[in-house]
Amino acid sequence: MVTSKQKAFCVLQFAKTESAITVQRAFRIKFGCQPPNDNNILSEPNNFIWQQDGAPPHWHFSLRDWLNIPVPNQWIGLKEPPDKTCIAWPPRSPDLTPCDFYLWGLIEIVCAFLRYQLTFQT
């Protein structure tokens, strides 16, 4: 599983290069391992909890049934007494959306700095 530092590296590299292949190559060189992708993320299903950022709790029965197959006990939704397969949705929890409170601000600062450097050099 990748660390927060590795995830931030991927996002910042993509902001600079806008090329997924370049980001993957740089990731392999810097960290000496495979970058995160569908295969290696899904190979460790117990190491994550699925939450769609900014979405209300998942309520429709067909969606709940679908989520219970790949990620039982590892998704966040409205918990009812008969449904013990999800984690209860905490109202307005900033701990569950760290991207809103840290990552996007950092990306904005780095991108603005890069733009400033390019403008200054020309």
PDB file of N, CA and C in Angstrom:
ATOM      1  N   MET A   1       0.849  -1.177   0.000  1.00  0.00           N
ATOM      2  CA  MET A   1       0.000   0.000   0.000  1.00  0.00           C
ATOM      3  C   MET A   1       0.892   1.237   0.000  1.00  0.00           C
ATOM      4  N   VAL A   2       0.486   2.249  -0.715  1.00  0.00           N
ATOM      5  CA  VAL A   2       1.299   3.458  -0.820  1.00  0.00           C
ATOM      6  C   VAL A   2       1.074   4.375   0.373  1.00  0.00           C
ATOM      7  N   THR A   3       2.066   5.182   0.662  1.00  0.00           N
ATOM      8  CA  THR A   3       1.975   6.123   1.780  1.00  0.00           C
ATOM      9  C   THR A   3       1.355   7.437   1.306  1.00  0.00           C
ATOM     10  N   SER A   4       1.037   8.290   2.248  1.00  0.00           N
ATOM     11  CA  SER A   4       0.495   9.611   1.910  1.00  0.00           C
ATOM     12  C   SER A   4       1.509  10.416   1.105  1.00  0.00           C
ATOM     13  N   LYS A   5       2.779  10.275   1.446  1.00  0.00           N
ATOM     14  CA  LYS A   5       3.834  10.985   0.719  1.00  0.00           C
ATOM     15  C   LYS A   5       3.869  10.535  -0.742  1.00  0.00           C
ATOM     16  N   GLN A   6       3.725   9.229  -0.967  1.00  0.00           N
ATOM     17  CA  GLN A   6       3.741   8.709  -2.330  1.00  0.00           C
ATOM     18  C   GLN A   6       2.511   9.170  -3.116  1.00  0.00           C
ATOM     19  N   LYS A   7       1.355   9.203  -2.448  1.00  0.00           N
ATOM     20  CA  LYS A   7       0.140   9.682  -3.117  1.00  0.00           C
ATOM     21  C   LYS A   7       0.287  11.148  -3.504  1.00  0.00           C
ATOM     22  N   ALA A   8       0.798  11.956  -2.579  1.00  0.00           N
ATOM     23  CA  ALA A   8       0.990  13.380  -2.868  1.00  0.00           C
ATOM     24  C   ALA A   8       1.987  13.561  -4.011  1.00  0.00           C
ATOM     25  N   PHE A   9       3.027  12.732  -4.037  1.00  0.00           N
ATOM     26  CA  PHE A   9       4.004  12.796  -5.120  1.00  0.00           C
ATOM     27  C   PHE A   9       3.327  12.574  -6.465  1.00  0.00           C
ATOM     28  N   CYS A  10       2.450  11.574  -6.544  1.00  0.00           N
ATOM     29  CA  CYS A  10       1.744  11.282  -7.796  1.00  0.00           C
ATOM     30  C   CYS A  10       0.904  12.471  -8.247  1.00  0.00           C
ATOM     31  N   VAL A  11       0.168  13.049  -7.317  1.00  0.00           N
ATOM     32  CA  VAL A  11      -0.706  14.172  -7.662  1.00  0.00           C
ATOM     33  C   VAL A  11       0.117  15.371  -8.125  1.00  0.00           C
ATOM     34  N   LEU A  12       1.179  15.687  -7.399  1.00  0.00           N
ATOM     35  CA  LEU A  12       1.994  16.850  -7.753  1.00  0.00           C
ATOM     36  C   LEU A  12       2.739  16.641  -9.072  1.00  0.00           C
ATOM     37  N   GLN A  13       3.238  15.429  -9.303  1.00  0.00           N
ATOM     38  CA  GLN A  13       3.903  15.142 -10.571  1.00  0.00           C
ATOM     39  C   GLN A  13       2.930  15.270 -11.736  1.00  0.00           C
ATOM     40  N   PHE A  14       1.712  14.784 -11.542  1.00  0.00           N
ATOM     41  CA  PHE A  14       0.727  14.880 -12.621  1.00  0.00           C
ATOM     42  C   PHE A  14       0.365  16.339 -12.888  1.00  0.00           C
ATOM     43  N   ALA A  15       0.314  17.149 -11.833  1.00  0.00           N
ATOM     44  CA  ALA A  15       0.030  18.577 -12.019  1.00  0.00           C
ATOM     45  C   ALA A  15       1.134  19.240 -12.845  1.00  0.00           C
ATOM     46  N   LYS A  16       2.372  18.778 -12.673  1.00  0.00           N
ATOM     47  CA  LYS A  16       3.492  19.347 -13.429  1.00  0.00           C
ATOM     48  C   LYS A  16       3.530  18.848 -14.871  1.00  0.00           C
ATOM     49  N   THR A  17       3.378  17.530 -15.047  1.00  0.00           N
ATOM     50  CA  THR A  17       3.628  16.926 -16.357  1.00  0.00           C
ATOM     51  C   THR A  17       2.370  16.651 -17.168  1.00  0.00           C
ATOM     52  N   GLU A  18       1.246  16.455 -16.500  1.00  0.00           N
ATOM     53  CA  GLU A  18      -0.020  16.074 -17.141  1.00  0.00           C
ATOM     54  C   GLU A  18       0.127  14.798 -17.965  1.00  0.00           C
ATOM     55  N   SER A  19       1.003  13.909 -17.527  1.00  0.00           N
ATOM     56  CA  SER A  19       1.228  12.638 -18.211  1.00  0.00           C
ATOM     57  C   SER A  19       1.298  11.521 -17.180  1.00  0.00           C
ATOM     58  N   ALA A  20       0.356  10.598 -17.256  1.00  0.00           N
ATOM     59  CA  ALA A  20       0.325   9.489 -16.300  1.00  0.00           C
ATOM     60  C   ALA A  20       1.556   8.599 -16.449  1.00  0.00           C
ATOM     61  N   ILE A  21       2.021   8.407 -17.670  1.00  0.00           N
ATOM     62  CA  ILE A  21       3.184   7.546 -17.898  1.00  0.00           C
ATOM     63  C   ILE A  21       4.440   8.173 -17.297  1.00  0.00           C
ATOM     64  N   THR A  22       4.599   9.473 -17.450  1.00  0.00           N
ATOM     65  CA  THR A  22       5.747  10.164 -16.852  1.00  0.00           C
ATOM     66  C   THR A  22       5.700  10.079 -15.331  1.00  0.00           C
ATOM     67  N   VAL A  23       4.508  10.202 -14.766  1.00  0.00           N
ATOM     68  CA  VAL A  23       4.348  10.095 -13.312  1.00  0.00           C
ATOM     69  C   VAL A  23       4.717   8.694 -12.846  1.00  0.00           C
ATOM     70  N   GLN A  24       4.256   7.668 -13.558  1.00  0.00           N
ATOM     71  CA  GLN A  24       4.575   6.292 -13.175  1.00  0.00           C
ATOM     72  C   GLN A  24       6.079   6.044 -13.235  1.00  0.00           C
ATOM     73  N   ARG A  25       6.715   6.536 -14.279  1.00  0.00           N
ATOM     74  CA  ARG A  25       8.164   6.357 -14.422  1.00  0.00           C
ATOM     75  C   ARG A  25       8.908   7.058 -13.280  1.00  0.00           C
ATOM     76  N   ALA A  26       8.519   8.298 -12.982  1.00  0.00           N
ATOM     77  CA  ALA A  26       9.167   9.049 -11.898  1.00  0.00           C
ATOM     78  C   ALA A  26       8.928   8.375 -10.549  1.00  0.00           C
ATOM     79  N   PHE A  27       7.736   7.811 -10.360  1.00  0.00           N
ATOM     80  CA  PHE A  27       7.411   7.116  -9.113  1.00  0.00           C
ATOM     81  C   PHE A  27       8.325   5.909  -8.928  1.00  0.00           C
ATOM     82  N   ARG A  28       8.491   5.109  -9.994  1.00  0.00           N
ATOM     83  CA  ARG A  28       9.356   3.922  -9.905  1.00  0.00           C
ATOM     84  C   ARG A  28      10.795   4.316  -9.574  1.00  0.00           C
ATOM     85  N   ILE A  29      11.269   5.392 -10.195  1.00  0.00           N
ATOM     86  CA  ILE A  29      12.649   5.841  -9.954  1.00  0.00           C
ATOM     87  C   ILE A  29      12.815   6.335  -8.522  1.00  0.00           C
ATOM     88  N   LYS A  30      11.880   7.147  -8.050  1.00  0.00           N
ATOM     89  CA  LYS A  30      12.008   7.759  -6.718  1.00  0.00           C
ATOM     90  C   LYS A  30      11.807   6.756  -5.586  1.00  0.00           C
ATOM     91  N   PHE A  31      10.785   5.890  -5.707  1.00  0.00           N
ATOM     92  CA  PHE A  31      10.430   5.015  -4.587  1.00  0.00           C
ATOM     93  C   PHE A  31      10.840   3.556  -4.777  1.00  0.00           C
ATOM     94  N   GLY A  32      11.274   3.171  -5.973  1.00  0.00           N
ATOM     95  CA  GLY A  32      11.736   1.809  -6.203  1.00  0.00           C
ATOM     96  C   GLY A  32      10.657   0.749  -6.110  1.00  0.00           C
ATOM     97  N   CYS A  33       9.408   1.120  -6.383  1.00  0.00           N
ATOM     98  CA  CYS A  33       8.313   0.151  -6.380  1.00  0.00           C
ATOM     99  C   CYS A  33       7.268   0.584  -7.401  1.00  0.00           C
ATOM    100  N   GLN A  34       6.298  -0.286  -7.625  1.00  0.00           N
ATOM    101  CA  GLN A  34       5.249   0.013  -8.594  1.00  0.00           C
ATOM    102  C   GLN A  34       4.338   1.122  -8.086  1.00  0.00           C
ATOM    103  N   PRO A  35       3.937   2.043  -8.955  1.00  0.00           N
ATOM    104  CA  PRO A  35       2.996   3.091  -8.537  1.00  0.00           C
ATOM    105  C   PRO A  35       1.614   2.506  -8.295  1.00  0.00           C
ATOM    106  N   PRO A  36       0.773   3.201  -7.545  1.00  0.00           N
ATOM    107  CA  PRO A  36      -0.567   2.686  -7.284  1.00  0.00           C
ATOM    108  C   PRO A  36      -1.377   2.597  -8.574  1.00  0.00           C
ATOM    109  N   ASN A  37      -2.052   1.479  -8.749  1.00  0.00           N
ATOM    110  CA  ASN A  37      -2.969   1.301  -9.874  1.00  0.00           C
ATOM    111  C   ASN A  37      -4.076   0.354  -9.439  1.00  0.00           C
ATOM    112  N   ASP A  38      -5.023   0.091 -10.318  1.00  0.00           N
ATOM    113  CA  ASP A  38      -6.160  -0.757  -9.946  1.00  0.00           C
ATOM    114  C   ASP A  38      -5.722  -2.125  -9.441  1.00  0.00           C
ATOM    115  N   ASN A  39      -4.698  -2.707 -10.066  1.00  0.00           N
ATOM    116  CA  ASN A  39      -4.287  -4.059  -9.684  1.00  0.00           C
ATOM    117  C   ASN A  39      -3.701  -4.115  -8.280  1.00  0.00           C
ATOM    118  N   ASN A  40      -2.762  -3.216  -7.958  1.00  0.00           N
ATOM    119  CA  ASN A  40      -2.148  -3.330  -6.638  1.00  0.00           C
ATOM    120  C   ASN A  40      -2.975  -2.679  -5.540  1.00  0.00           C
ATOM    121  N   ILE A  41      -3.914  -1.795  -5.878  1.00  0.00           N
ATOM    122  CA  ILE A  41      -4.804  -1.256  -4.856  1.00  0.00           C
ATOM    123  C   ILE A  41      -5.834  -2.314  -4.467  1.00  0.00           C
ATOM    124  N   LEU A  42      -6.434  -2.971  -5.467  1.00  0.00           N
ATOM    125  CA  LEU A  42      -7.461  -3.972  -5.183  1.00  0.00           C
ATOM    126  C   LEU A  42      -6.879  -5.267  -4.631  1.00  0.00           C
ATOM    127  N   SER A  43      -5.558  -5.455  -4.735  1.00  0.00           N
ATOM    128  CA  SER A  43      -4.955  -6.668  -4.184  1.00  0.00           C
ATOM    129  C   SER A  43      -4.853  -6.609  -2.662  1.00  0.00           C
ATOM    130  N   GLU A  44      -5.061  -5.433  -2.074  1.00  0.00           N
ATOM    131  CA  GLU A  44      -5.026  -5.275  -0.621  1.00  0.00           C
ATOM    132  C   GLU A  44      -6.358  -4.707  -0.137  1.00  0.00           C
ATOM    133  N   PRO A  45      -7.441  -5.471  -0.256  1.00  0.00           N
ATOM    134  CA  PRO A  45      -8.769  -4.920   0.038  1.00  0.00           C
ATOM    135  C   PRO A  45      -8.997  -4.564   1.499  1.00  0.00           C
ATOM    136  N   ASN A  46      -8.220  -5.093   2.411  1.00  0.00           N
ATOM    137  CA  ASN A  46      -8.444  -4.792   3.826  1.00  0.00           C
ATOM    138  C   ASN A  46      -7.757  -3.506   4.280  1.00  0.00           C
ATOM    139  N   ASN A  47      -7.027  -2.863   3.388  1.00  0.00           N
ATOM    140  CA  ASN A  47      -6.280  -1.670   3.770  1.00  0.00           C
ATOM    141  C   ASN A  47      -6.953  -0.361   3.383  1.00  0.00           C
ATOM    142  N   PHE A  48      -8.208  -0.406   2.975  1.00  0.00           N
ATOM    143  CA  PHE A  48      -8.871   0.844   2.635  1.00  0.00           C
ATOM    144  C   PHE A  48     -10.350   0.790   2.998  1.00  0.00           C
ATOM    145  N   ILE A  49     -10.929   1.974   3.128  1.00  0.00           N
ATOM    146  CA  ILE A  49     -12.369   2.134   3.335  1.00  0.00           C
ATOM    147  C   ILE A  49     -12.863   3.022   2.214  1.00  0.00           C
ATOM    148  N   TRP A  50     -13.908   2.607   1.511  1.00  0.00           N
ATOM    149  CA  TRP A  50     -14.382   3.335   0.347  1.00  0.00           C
ATOM    150  C   TRP A  50     -15.368   4.407   0.755  1.00  0.00           C
ATOM    151  N   GLN A  51     -15.098   5.638   0.339  1.00  0.00           N
ATOM    152  CA  GLN A  51     -16.030   6.742   0.520  1.00  0.00           C
ATOM    153  C   GLN A  51     -15.930   7.624  -0.703  1.00  0.00           C
ATOM    154  N   GLN A  52     -17.073   7.939  -1.293  1.00  0.00           N
ATOM    155  CA  GLN A  52     -17.077   8.861  -2.417  1.00  0.00           C
ATOM    156  C   GLN A  52     -17.045  10.257  -1.835  1.00  0.00           C
ATOM    157  N   ASP A  53     -15.967  10.981  -2.064  1.00  0.00           N
ATOM    158  CA  ASP A  53     -15.762  12.285  -1.450  1.00  0.00           C
ATOM    159  C   ASP A  53     -16.862  13.260  -1.850  1.00  0.00           C
ATOM    160  N   GLY A  54     -17.445  13.909  -0.877  1.00  0.00           N
ATOM    161  CA  GLY A  54     -18.462  14.907  -1.129  1.00  0.00           C
ATOM    162  C   GLY A  54     -19.840  14.341  -1.409  1.00  0.00           C
ATOM    163  N   ALA A  55     -19.985  13.037  -1.357  1.00  0.00           N
ATOM    164  CA  ALA A  55     -21.275  12.421  -1.665  1.00  0.00           C
ATOM    165  C   ALA A  55     -22.061  12.194  -0.377  1.00  0.00           C
ATOM    166  N   PRO A  56     -23.377  12.285  -0.447  1.00  0.00           N
ATOM    167  CA  PRO A  56     -24.169  11.950   0.737  1.00  0.00           C
ATOM    168  C   PRO A  56     -24.069  10.445   1.004  1.00  0.00           C
ATOM    169  N   PRO A  57     -24.478  10.007   2.158  1.00  0.00           N
ATOM    170  CA  PRO A  57     -24.413   8.580   2.456  1.00  0.00           C
ATOM    171  C   PRO A  57     -25.179   7.768   1.415  1.00  0.00           C
ATOM    172  N   HIS A  58     -24.624   6.632   1.061  1.00  0.00           N
ATOM    173  CA  HIS A  58     -25.242   5.791   0.038  1.00  0.00           C
ATOM    174  C   HIS A  58     -26.465   5.092   0.627  1.00  0.00           C
ATOM    175  N   TRP A  59     -27.582   5.221  -0.058  1.00  0.00           N
ATOM    176  CA  TRP A  59     -28.839   4.775   0.502  1.00  0.00           C
ATOM    177  C   TRP A  59     -29.570   3.747  -0.344  1.00  0.00           C
ATOM    178  N   HIS A  60     -29.450   3.836  -1.670  1.00  0.00           N
ATOM    179  CA  HIS A  60     -30.232   2.954  -2.538  1.00  0.00           C
ATOM    180  C   HIS A  60     -29.830   1.499  -2.308  1.00  0.00           C
ATOM    181  N   PHE A  61     -30.826   0.614  -2.205  1.00  0.00           N
ATOM    182  CA  PHE A  61     -30.556  -0.788  -1.866  1.00  0.00           C
ATOM    183  C   PHE A  61     -29.671  -1.480  -2.892  1.00  0.00           C
ATOM    184  N   SER A  62     -29.854  -1.175  -4.170  1.00  0.00           N
ATOM    185  CA  SER A  62     -29.024  -1.848  -5.178  1.00  0.00           C
ATOM    186  C   SER A  62     -27.552  -1.454  -5.028  1.00  0.00           C
ATOM    187  N   LEU A  63     -27.289  -0.190  -4.707  1.00  0.00           N
ATOM    188  CA  LEU A  63     -25.908   0.244  -4.489  1.00  0.00           C
ATOM    189  C   LEU A  63     -25.331  -0.399  -3.229  1.00  0.00           C
ATOM    190  N   ARG A  64     -26.126  -0.470  -2.185  1.00  0.00           N
ATOM    191  CA  ARG A  64     -25.664  -1.086  -0.937  1.00  0.00           C
ATOM    192  C   ARG A  64     -25.335  -2.562  -1.154  1.00  0.00           C
ATOM    193  N   ASP A  65     -26.193  -3.257  -1.909  1.00  0.00           N
ATOM    194  CA  ASP A  65     -25.927  -4.667  -2.207  1.00  0.00           C
ATOM    195  C   ASP A  65     -24.645  -4.819  -3.022  1.00  0.00           C
ATOM    196  N   TRP A  66     -24.451  -3.908  -3.980  1.00  0.00           N
ATOM    197  CA  TRP A  66     -23.259  -3.970  -4.814  1.00  0.00           C
ATOM    198  C   TRP A  66     -22.002  -3.714  -3.978  1.00  0.00           C
ATOM    199  N   LEU A  67     -22.033  -2.730  -3.076  1.00  0.00           N
ATOM    200  CA  LEU A  67     -20.865  -2.422  -2.240  1.00  0.00           C
ATOM    201  C   LEU A  67     -20.547  -3.539  -1.250  1.00  0.00           C
ATOM    202  N   ASN A  68     -21.560  -4.281  -0.832  1.00  0.00           N
ATOM    203  CA  ASN A  68     -21.331  -5.352   0.142  1.00  0.00           C
ATOM    204  C   ASN A  68     -20.535  -6.513  -0.441  1.00  0.00           C
ATOM    205  N   ILE A  69     -20.479  -6.625  -1.758  1.00  0.00           N
ATOM    206  CA  ILE A  69     -19.729  -7.724  -2.369  1.00  0.00           C
ATOM    207  C   ILE A  69     -18.223  -7.436  -2.372  1.00  0.00           C
ATOM    208  N   PRO A  70     -17.743  -6.332  -2.993  1.00  0.00           N
ATOM    209  CA  PRO A  70     -16.286  -6.140  -3.029  1.00  0.00           C
ATOM    210  C   PRO A  70     -15.681  -5.590  -1.740  1.00  0.00           C
ATOM    211  N   VAL A  71     -16.447  -4.799  -0.986  1.00  0.00           N
ATOM    212  CA  VAL A  71     -15.880  -4.164   0.208  1.00  0.00           C
ATOM    213  C   VAL A  71     -16.819  -4.281   1.413  1.00  0.00           C
ATOM    214  N   PRO A  72     -17.145  -5.493   1.859  1.00  0.00           N
ATOM    215  CA  PRO A  72     -18.029  -5.617   3.022  1.00  0.00           C
ATOM    216  C   PRO A  72     -17.357  -5.056   4.274  1.00  0.00           C
ATOM    217  N   ASN A  73     -18.125  -4.353   5.069  1.00  0.00           N
ATOM    218  CA  ASN A  73     -17.637  -3.716   6.302  1.00  0.00           C
ATOM    219  C   ASN A  73     -16.567  -2.668   6.046  1.00  0.00           C
ATOM    220  N   GLN A  74     -16.435  -2.215   4.816  1.00  0.00           N
ATOM    221  CA  GLN A  74     -15.400  -1.232   4.502  1.00  0.00           C
ATOM    222  C   GLN A  74     -15.942  -0.094   3.651  1.00  0.00           C
ATOM    223  N   TRP A  75     -17.198   0.241   3.803  1.00  0.00           N
ATOM    224  CA  TRP A  75     -17.732   1.412   3.118  1.00  0.00           C
ATOM    225  C   TRP A  75     -18.593   2.192   4.086  1.00  0.00           C
ATOM    226  N   ILE A  76     -18.711   3.500   3.829  1.00  0.00           N
ATOM    227  CA  ILE A  76     -19.385   4.402   4.751  1.00  0.00           C
ATOM    228  C   ILE A  76     -20.766   4.719   4.208  1.00  0.00           C
ATOM    229  N   GLY A  77     -21.788   4.560   5.032  1.00  0.00           N
ATOM    230  CA  GLY A  77     -23.157   4.834   4.600  1.00  0.00           C
ATOM    231  C   GLY A  77     -24.075   5.040   5.783  1.00  0.00           C
ATOM    232  N   LEU A  78     -25.363   5.214   5.478  1.00  0.00           N
ATOM    233  CA  LEU A  78     -26.349   5.330   6.547  1.00  0.00           C
ATOM    234  C   LEU A  78     -26.599   3.944   7.109  1.00  0.00           C
ATOM    235  N   LYS A  79     -26.320   3.773   8.357  1.00  0.00           N
ATOM    236  CA  LYS A  79     -26.419   2.451   8.967  1.00  0.00           C
ATOM    237  C   LYS A  79     -27.794   2.278   9.587  1.00  0.00           C
ATOM    238  N   GLU A  80     -28.440   1.228   9.198  1.00  0.00           N
ATOM    239  CA  GLU A  80     -29.726   0.869   9.785  1.00  0.00           C
ATOM    240  C   GLU A  80     -29.518  -0.396  10.606  1.00  0.00           C
ATOM    241  N   PRO A  81     -30.394  -0.660  11.555  1.00  0.00           N
ATOM    242  CA  PRO A  81     -30.213  -1.869  12.379  1.00  0.00           C
ATOM    243  C   PRO A  81     -30.045  -3.161  11.589  1.00  0.00           C
ATOM    244  N   PRO A  82     -30.806  -3.394  10.498  1.00  0.00           N
ATOM    245  CA  PRO A  82     -30.592  -4.667   9.809  1.00  0.00           C
ATOM    246  C   PRO A  82     -29.313  -4.696   8.971  1.00  0.00           C
ATOM    247  N   ASP A  83     -28.746  -3.534   8.677  1.00  0.00           N
ATOM    248  CA  ASP A  83     -27.570  -3.476   7.812  1.00  0.00           C
ATOM    249  C   ASP A  83     -26.317  -3.301   8.658  1.00  0.00           C
ATOM    250  N   LYS A  84     -25.571  -4.369   8.815  1.00  0.00           N
ATOM    251  CA  LYS A  84     -24.358  -4.312   9.628  1.00  0.00           C
ATOM    252  C   LYS A  84     -23.107  -4.390   8.754  1.00  0.00           C
ATOM    253  N   THR A  85     -23.278  -4.094   7.469  1.00  0.00           N
ATOM    254  CA  THR A  85     -22.142  -4.241   6.562  1.00  0.00           C
ATOM    255  C   THR A  85     -21.486  -2.929   6.198  1.00  0.00           C
ATOM    256  N   CYS A  86     -21.885  -1.840   6.818  1.00  0.00           N
ATOM    257  CA  CYS A  86     -21.239  -0.571   6.501  1.00  0.00           C
ATOM    258  C   CYS A  86     -20.826   0.132   7.788  1.00  0.00           C
ATOM    259  N   ILE A  87     -19.994   1.136   7.635  1.00  0.00           N
ATOM    260  CA  ILE A  87     -19.567   1.967   8.754  1.00  0.00           C
ATOM    261  C   ILE A  87     -20.517   3.151   8.817  1.00  0.00           C
ATOM    262  N   ALA A  88     -20.973   3.498  10.001  1.00  0.00           N
ATOM    263  CA  ALA A  88     -21.942   4.588  10.138  1.00  0.00           C
ATOM    264  C   ALA A  88     -21.357   5.904   9.636  1.00  0.00           C
ATOM    265  N   TRP A  89     -22.175   6.656   8.934  1.00  0.00           N
ATOM    266  CA  TRP A  89     -21.767   7.940   8.367  1.00  0.00           C
ATOM    267  C   TRP A  89     -21.715   8.996   9.456  1.00  0.00           C
ATOM    268  N   PRO A  90     -20.546   9.542   9.797  1.00  0.00           N
ATOM    269  CA  PRO A  90     -20.489  10.611  10.789  1.00  0.00           C
ATOM    270  C   PRO A  90     -20.829  11.946  10.123  1.00  0.00           C
ATOM    271  N   PRO A  91     -21.714  12.717  10.695  1.00  0.00           N
ATOM    272  CA  PRO A  91     -22.102  13.971  10.048  1.00  0.00           C
ATOM    273  C   PRO A  91     -20.966  14.989  10.056  1.00  0.00           C
ATOM    274  N   ARG A  92     -20.699  15.542   8.902  1.00  0.00           N
ATOM    275  CA  ARG A  92     -19.734  16.641   8.733  1.00  0.00           C
ATOM    276  C   ARG A  92     -18.387  16.384   9.411  1.00  0.00           C
ATOM    277  N   SER A  93     -17.772  15.292   9.059  1.00  0.00           N
ATOM    278  CA  SER A  93     -16.499  14.950   9.678  1.00  0.00           C
ATOM    279  C   SER A  93     -15.336  15.382   8.787  1.00  0.00           C
ATOM    280  N   PRO A  94     -14.553  16.388   9.189  1.00  0.00           N
ATOM    281  CA  PRO A  94     -13.416  16.795   8.367  1.00  0.00           C
ATOM    282  C   PRO A  94     -12.314  15.738   8.320  1.00  0.00           C
ATOM    283  N   ASP A  95     -12.318  14.804   9.260  1.00  0.00           N
ATOM    284  CA  ASP A  95     -11.302  13.757   9.262  1.00  0.00           C
ATOM    285  C   ASP A  95     -11.454  12.819   8.074  1.00  0.00           C
ATOM    286  N   LEU A  96     -12.666  12.730   7.524  1.00  0.00           N
ATOM    287  CA  LEU A  96     -12.888  11.811   6.416  1.00  0.00           C
ATOM    288  C   LEU A  96     -12.616  12.440   5.060  1.00  0.00           C
ATOM    289  N   THR A  97     -12.405  13.725   5.016  1.00  0.00           N
ATOM    290  CA  THR A  97     -12.114  14.383   3.745  1.00  0.00           C
ATOM    291  C   THR A  97     -10.835  15.212   3.863  1.00  0.00           C
ATOM    292  N   PRO A  98      -9.701  14.556   4.140  1.00  0.00           N
ATOM    293  CA  PRO A  98      -8.465  15.306   4.314  1.00  0.00           C
ATOM    294  C   PRO A  98      -8.040  16.039   3.046  1.00  0.00           C
ATOM    295  N   CYS A  99      -8.464  15.553   1.880  1.00  0.00           N
ATOM    296  CA  CYS A  99      -8.101  16.254   0.645  1.00  0.00           C
ATOM    297  C   CYS A  99      -8.657  17.669   0.648  1.00  0.00           C
ATOM    298  N   ASP A 100      -9.858  17.853   1.201  1.00  0.00           N
ATOM    299  CA  ASP A 100     -10.469  19.180   1.229  1.00  0.00           C
ATOM    300  C   ASP A 100      -9.714  20.125   2.152  1.00  0.00           C
ATOM    301  N   PHE A 101      -9.051  19.598   3.158  1.00  0.00           N
ATOM    302  CA  PHE A 101      -8.423  20.448   4.163  1.00  0.00           C
ATOM    303  C   PHE A 101      -6.906  20.532   4.038  1.00  0.00           C
ATOM    304  N   TYR A 102      -6.312  19.696   3.203  1.00  0.00           N
ATOM    305  CA  TYR A 102      -4.853  19.723   3.090  1.00  0.00           C
ATOM    306  C   TYR A 102      -4.378  19.662   1.635  1.00  0.00           C
ATOM    307  N   LEU A 103      -4.744  18.585   0.950  1.00  0.00           N
ATOM    308  CA  LEU A 103      -4.125  18.293  -0.335  1.00  0.00           C
ATOM    309  C   LEU A 103      -4.428  19.338  -1.396  1.00  0.00           C
ATOM    310  N   TRP A 104      -5.699  19.740  -1.536  1.00  0.00           N
ATOM    311  CA  TRP A 104      -6.039  20.680  -2.613  1.00  0.00           C
ATOM    312  C   TRP A 104      -5.371  22.029  -2.387  1.00  0.00           C
ATOM    313  N   GLY A 105      -5.261  22.459  -1.155  1.00  0.00           N
ATOM    314  CA  GLY A 105      -4.553  23.710  -0.872  1.00  0.00           C
ATOM    315  C   GLY A 105      -3.081  23.613  -1.231  1.00  0.00           C
ATOM    316  N   LEU A 106      -2.466  22.473  -0.901  1.00  0.00           N
ATOM    317  CA  LEU A 106      -1.057  22.259  -1.231  1.00  0.00           C
ATOM    318  C   LEU A 106      -0.852  22.248  -2.740  1.00  0.00           C
ATOM    319  N   ILE A 107      -1.722  21.564  -3.468  1.00  0.00           N
ATOM    320  CA  ILE A 107      -1.606  21.511  -4.928  1.00  0.00           C
ATOM    321  C   ILE A 107      -1.744  22.908  -5.524  1.00  0.00           C
ATOM    322  N   GLU A 108      -2.687  23.678  -5.009  1.00  0.00           N
ATOM    323  CA  GLU A 108      -2.884  25.042  -5.504  1.00  0.00           C
ATOM    324  C   GLU A 108      -1.626  25.891  -5.288  1.00  0.00           C
ATOM    325  N   ILE A 109      -1.011  25.758  -4.121  1.00  0.00           N
ATOM    326  CA  ILE A 109       0.209  26.518  -3.822  1.00  0.00           C
ATOM    327  C   ILE A 109       1.348  26.095  -4.748  1.00  0.00           C
ATOM    328  N   VAL A 110       1.535  24.781  -4.918  1.00  0.00           N
ATOM    329  CA  VAL A 110       2.626  24.283  -5.762  1.00  0.00           C
ATOM    330  C   VAL A 110       2.413  24.697  -7.215  1.00  0.00           C
ATOM    331  N   CYS A 111       1.179  24.561  -7.718  1.00  0.00           N
ATOM    332  CA  CYS A 111       0.905  24.932  -9.112  1.00  0.00           C
ATOM    333  C   CYS A 111       1.098  26.427  -9.328  1.00  0.00           C
ATOM    334  N   ALA A 112       0.668  27.239  -8.375  1.00  0.00           N
ATOM    335  CA  ALA A 112       0.856  28.688  -8.494  1.00  0.00           C
ATOM    336  C   ALA A 112       2.347  29.020  -8.485  1.00  0.00           C
ATOM    337  N   PHE A 113       3.117  28.324  -7.644  1.00  0.00           N
ATOM    338  CA  PHE A 113       4.560  28.543  -7.578  1.00  0.00           C
ATOM    339  C   PHE A 113       5.220  28.169  -8.902  1.00  0.00           C
ATOM    340  N   LEU A 114       4.805  27.017  -9.478  1.00  0.00           N
ATOM    341  CA  LEU A 114       5.378  26.591 -10.755  1.00  0.00           C
ATOM    342  C   LEU A 114       5.034  27.585 -11.859  1.00  0.00           C
ATOM    343  N   ARG A 115       3.791  28.069 -11.876  1.00  0.00           N
ATOM    344  CA  ARG A 115       3.385  29.059 -12.865  1.00  0.00           C
ATOM    345  C   ARG A 115       4.216  30.332 -12.711  1.00  0.00           C
ATOM    346  N   TYR A 116       4.438  30.737 -11.464  1.00  0.00           N
ATOM    347  CA  TYR A 116       5.225  31.940 -11.186  1.00  0.00           C
ATOM    348  C   TYR A 116       6.659  31.755 -11.669  1.00  0.00           C
ATOM    349  N   GLN A 117       7.233  30.578 -11.431  1.00  0.00           N
ATOM    350  CA  GLN A 117       8.601  30.312 -11.874  1.00  0.00           C
ATOM    351  C   GLN A 117       8.695  30.386 -13.391  1.00  0.00           C
ATOM    352  N   LEU A 118       7.729  29.772 -14.086  1.00  0.00           N
ATOM    353  CA  LEU A 118       7.750  29.793 -15.547  1.00  0.00           C
ATOM    354  C   LEU A 118       7.611  31.215 -16.073  1.00  0.00           C
ATOM    355  N   THR A 119       6.748  32.009 -15.460  1.00  0.00           N
ATOM    356  CA  THR A 119       6.557  33.392 -15.879  1.00  0.00           C
ATOM    357  C   THR A 119       7.819  34.204 -15.616  1.00  0.00           C
ATOM    358  N   PHE A 120       8.443  33.959 -14.484  1.00  0.00           N
ATOM    359  CA  PHE A 120       9.647  34.698 -14.101  1.00  0.00           C
ATOM    360  C   PHE A 120      10.812  34.377 -15.031  1.00  0.00           C
ATOM    361  N   GLN A 121      10.909  33.121 -15.483  1.00  0.00           N
ATOM    362  CA  GLN A 121      12.021  32.702 -16.332  1.00  0.00           C
ATOM    363  C   GLN A 121      11.913  33.265 -17.741  1.00  0.00           C
ATOM    364  N   THR A 122      10.700  33.481 -18.231  1.00  0.00           N
ATOM    365  CA  THR A 122      10.538  33.948 -19.619  1.00  0.00           C
ATOM    366  C   THR A 122      10.572  35.429 -19.753  1.00  0.00           C
TER     367      THR A 122
END
